C-alpha atoms as a PDB file:
ATOM      1  CA  MET A   1      -0.004  -0.026  -0.064  1.00  0.00           C
ATOM      2  CA  LEU A   2       2.844   2.461   0.562  1.00  0.00           C
ATOM      3  CA  GLN A   3       3.509   4.660  -2.364  1.00  0.00           C
ATOM      4  CA  ALA A   4       6.177   7.242  -1.645  1.00  0.00           C
ATOM      5  CA  ILE A   5       8.212   8.942   1.015  1.00  0.00           C
ATOM      6  CA  VAL A   6       8.448  12.759   1.437  1.00  0.00           C
ATOM      7  CA  PRO A   7      11.154  13.987   3.768  1.00  0.00           C
ATOM      8  CA  LYS A   8      10.265  16.944   5.902  1.00  0.00           C
ATOM      9  CA  LEU A   9      13.519  18.613   6.835  1.00  0.00           C
ATOM     10  CA  PRO A  10      14.365  21.660   8.934  1.00  0.00           C
ATOM     11  CA  ALA A  11      15.456  24.834   7.288  1.00  0.00           C
ATOM     12  CA  LYS A  12      17.263  27.657   9.161  1.00  0.00           C
ATOM     13  CA  ASP A  13      16.007  30.177   6.495  1.00  0.00           C
ATOM     14  CA  ILE A  14      13.096  29.255   4.268  1.00  0.00           C
ATOM     15  CA  GLU A  15      13.807  31.782   1.584  1.00  0.00           C
ATOM     16  CA  ALA A  16      17.483  30.874   1.336  1.00  0.00           C
ATOM     17  CA  THR A  17      16.499  27.093   1.214  1.00  0.00           C
ATOM     18  CA  LYS A  18      14.004  27.776  -1.479  1.00  0.00           C
ATOM     19  CA  ALA A  19      16.568  29.644  -3.521  1.00  0.00           C
ATOM     20  CA  PHE A  20      19.231  26.898  -3.192  1.00  0.00           C
ATOM     21  CA  TYR A  21      16.804  24.237  -4.204  1.00  0.00           C
ATOM     22  CA  LEU A  22      15.265  26.201  -7.147  1.00  0.00           C
ATOM     23  CA  GLU A  23      18.454  27.754  -8.473  1.00  0.00           C
ATOM     24  CA  LYS A  24      21.106  25.103  -7.817  1.00  0.00           C
ATOM     25  CA  LEU A  25      19.125  21.936  -7.950  1.00  0.00           C
ATOM     26  CA  GLU A  26      16.373  23.018 -10.294  1.00  0.00           C
ATOM     27  CA  PHE A  27      13.377  21.903  -8.264  1.00  0.00           C
ATOM     28  CA  LYS A  28      10.058  23.607  -8.560  1.00  0.00           C
ATOM     29  CA  LEU A  29       8.023  25.248  -5.818  1.00  0.00           C
ATOM     30  CA  ILE A  30       4.683  23.506  -5.388  1.00  0.00           C
ATOM     31  CA  GLY A  31       3.565  25.166  -2.204  1.00  0.00           C
ATOM     32  CA  GLN A  32       4.544  27.856   0.316  1.00  0.00           C
ATOM     33  CA  TYR A  33       3.163  28.909   3.589  1.00  0.00           C
ATOM     34  CA  VAL A  34       4.493  31.201   6.281  1.00  0.00           C
ATOM     35  CA  ASP A  35       7.099  28.846   7.560  1.00  0.00           C
ATOM     36  CA  TYR A  36       6.822  25.831   5.200  1.00  0.00           C
ATOM     37  CA  ILE A  37       7.660  25.014   1.618  1.00  0.00           C
ATOM     38  CA  LEU A  38       7.077  22.133  -0.732  1.00  0.00           C
ATOM     39  CA  LEU A  39       9.483  21.463  -3.536  1.00  0.00           C
ATOM     40  CA  THR A  40       9.458  18.801  -6.423  1.00  0.00           C
ATOM     41  CA  LYS A  41      11.780  17.563  -9.051  1.00  0.00           C
ATOM     42  CA  ASP A  42      10.930  14.749 -11.520  1.00  0.00           C
ATOM     43  CA  GLN A  43       9.415  12.058  -9.317  1.00  0.00           C
ATOM     44  CA  ILE A  44      10.452  13.270  -5.821  1.00  0.00           C
ATOM     45  CA  GLU A  45       9.057  15.807  -3.292  1.00  0.00           C
ATOM     46  CA  ILE A  46      10.720  17.416  -0.379  1.00  0.00           C
ATOM     47  CA  HIS A  47       9.228  19.639   2.307  1.00  0.00           C
ATOM     48  CA  PHE A  48      10.993  22.077   4.515  1.00  0.00           C
ATOM     49  CA  TYR A  49       9.900  23.809   7.798  1.00  0.00           C
ATOM     50  CA  LEU A  50      11.459  26.770   9.506  1.00  0.00           C
ATOM     51  CA  ASP A  51      13.681  25.835  12.434  1.00  0.00           C
ATOM     52  CA  GLN A  52      15.992  28.682  13.325  1.00  0.00           C
ATOM     53  CA  ASN A  53      18.062  26.473  15.594  1.00  0.00           C
ATOM     54  CA  VAL A  54      19.504  24.443  12.654  1.00  0.00           C
ATOM     55  CA  VAL A  55      23.345  24.533  12.854  1.00  0.00           C
ATOM     56  CA  PRO A  56      24.425  23.332   9.284  1.00  0.00           C
ATOM     57  CA  HIS A  57      27.869  22.127  10.298  1.00  0.00           C
ATOM     58  CA  LEU A  58      26.464  20.005  13.097  1.00  0.00           C
ATOM     59  CA  SER A  59      23.676  18.387  10.875  1.00  0.00           C
ATOM     60  CA  ASP A  60      23.288  14.707  10.898  1.00  0.00           C
ATOM     61  CA  ARG A  61      20.373  14.637   8.438  1.00  0.00           C
ATOM     62  CA  MET A  62      20.657  12.506   5.303  1.00  0.00           C
ATOM     63  CA  VAL A  63      18.430  11.723   2.388  1.00  0.00           C
ATOM     64  CA  TYR A  64      19.256   9.101  -0.395  1.00  0.00           C
ATOM     65  CA  ILE A  65      17.739   9.961  -3.750  1.00  0.00           C
ATOM     66  CA  ARG A  66      17.634   7.226  -6.440  1.00  0.00           C
ATOM     67  CA  VAL A  67      18.395   8.448  -9.977  1.00  0.00           C
ATOM     68  CA  SER A  68      17.205   6.512 -12.927  1.00  0.00           C
ATOM     69  CA  GLU A  69      19.480   7.792 -15.642  1.00  0.00           C
ATOM     70  CA  HIS A  70      22.156  10.368 -16.523  1.00  0.00           C
ATOM     71  CA  ILE A  71      23.862  10.667 -13.082  1.00  0.00           C
ATOM     72  CA  GLU A  72      27.119  11.622 -14.636  1.00  0.00           C
ATOM     73  CA  LYS A  73      25.408  14.631 -16.359  1.00  0.00           C
ATOM     74  CA  TRP A  74      23.599  15.702 -13.173  1.00  0.00           C
ATOM     75  CA  TYR A  75      26.880  15.516 -11.221  1.00  0.00           C
ATOM     76  CA  GLU A  76      28.720  17.759 -13.814  1.00  0.00           C
ATOM     77  CA  GLU A  77      25.816  20.300 -13.904  1.00  0.00           C
ATOM     78  CA  LEU A  78      25.995  20.585 -10.020  1.00  0.00           C
ATOM     79  CA  LEU A  79      29.726  21.127 -10.271  1.00  0.00           C
ATOM     80  CA  GLN A  80      29.420  23.784 -12.825  1.00  0.00           C
ATOM     81  CA  LYS A  81      26.906  25.521 -10.457  1.00  0.00           C
ATOM     82  CA  LYS A  82      29.516  25.382  -7.658  1.00  0.00           C
ATOM     83  CA  VAL A  83      27.270  23.113  -5.440  1.00  0.00           C
ATOM     84  CA  GLU A  84      29.453  21.847  -2.534  1.00  0.00           C
ATOM     85  CA  LEU A  85      30.183  18.188  -2.490  1.00  0.00           C
ATOM     86  CA  ALA A  86      30.224  16.419   0.768  1.00  0.00           C
ATOM     87  CA  SER A  87      33.573  15.071   2.005  1.00  0.00           C
ATOM     88  CA  LEU A  88      34.057  11.836   0.096  1.00  0.00           C
ATOM     89  CA  GLY A  89      31.182  12.982  -1.999  1.00  0.00           C
ATOM     90  CA  LYS A  90      32.835  12.601  -5.558  1.00  0.00           C
ATOM     91  CA  LEU A  91      30.902  10.505  -8.135  1.00  0.00           C
ATOM     92  CA  GLU A  92      32.141   6.813  -7.928  1.00  0.00           C
ATOM     93  CA  PRO A  93      30.887   3.345  -7.991  1.00  0.00           C
ATOM     94  CA  LYS A  94      30.049   1.775  -4.628  1.00  0.00           C
ATOM     95  CA  PRO A  95      30.490  -1.979  -3.669  1.00  0.00           C
ATOM     96  CA  TRP A  96      26.626  -2.263  -3.339  1.00  0.00           C
ATOM     97  CA  GLY A  97      26.075  -1.627  -7.086  1.00  0.00           C
ATOM     98  CA  GLN A  98      25.320   2.010  -7.168  1.00  0.00           C
ATOM     99  CA  LEU A  99      27.107   4.900  -8.922  1.00  0.00           C
ATOM    100  CA  GLU A 100      26.826   7.783  -6.235  1.00  0.00           C
ATOM    101  CA  PHE A 101      27.879  11.270  -5.302  1.00  0.00           C
ATOM    102  CA  SER A 102      26.941  13.446  -2.307  1.00  0.00           C
ATOM    103  CA  ILE A 103      26.207  17.085  -1.716  1.00  0.00           C
ATOM    104  CA  LEU A 104      25.409  19.202   1.285  1.00  0.00           C
ATOM    105  CA  ASP A 105      22.453  21.610   1.143  1.00  0.00           C
ATOM    106  CA  ILE A 106      22.645  24.912   2.859  1.00  0.00           C
ATOM    107  CA  ASN A 107      21.093  23.473   6.025  1.00  0.00           C
ATOM    108  CA  GLY A 108      23.793  20.838   6.234  1.00  0.00           C
ATOM    109  CA  THR A 109      21.564  17.967   5.011  1.00  0.00           C
ATOM    110  CA  LEU A 110      23.585  15.331   3.188  1.00  0.00           C
ATOM    111  CA  LEU A 111      21.876  14.535  -0.216  1.00  0.00           C
ATOM    112  CA  THR A 112      23.254  11.396  -1.831  1.00  0.00           C
ATOM    113  CA  PHE A 113      22.269  10.576  -5.419  1.00  0.00           C
ATOM    114  CA  GLY A 114      22.513   6.947  -6.584  1.00  0.00           C
ATOM    115  CA  GLN A 115      22.039   5.247  -9.805  1.00  0.00           C
ATOM    116  CA  PRO A 116      22.391   1.502 -10.354  1.00  0.00           C
ATOM    117  CA  VAL A 117      25.618   0.452 -12.058  1.00  0.00           C
ATOM    118  CA  LEU A 118      25.005  -1.663 -15.080  1.00  0.00           C
ATOM    119  CA  PHE A 119      27.402  -4.511 -15.537  1.00  0.00           C
END
């Protein structure tokens, strides 16, 4: 019966978070309320709520996003936009059969993108 999962993540600054996801990651805004935004890209959706206590460099939040194709192109686009890679976040194949890379959003959330490796 389960269909999808939608992360609800804290954001230190809603407008800055919105700008990062819209401009750097090319998400689309599908809803905005006083202290809450809803964003989408392709088949995924992420929500953010205001939490001014967020300390980005102390974050332990992580989201794994599966990619169906063209992960190399996505990686190169983000590098050109100067999106910060996480430490050890460069694009590489992993032993569990995924080609992955990781970035940090402006709230310190680790976003890992993974595409199955075809052998």
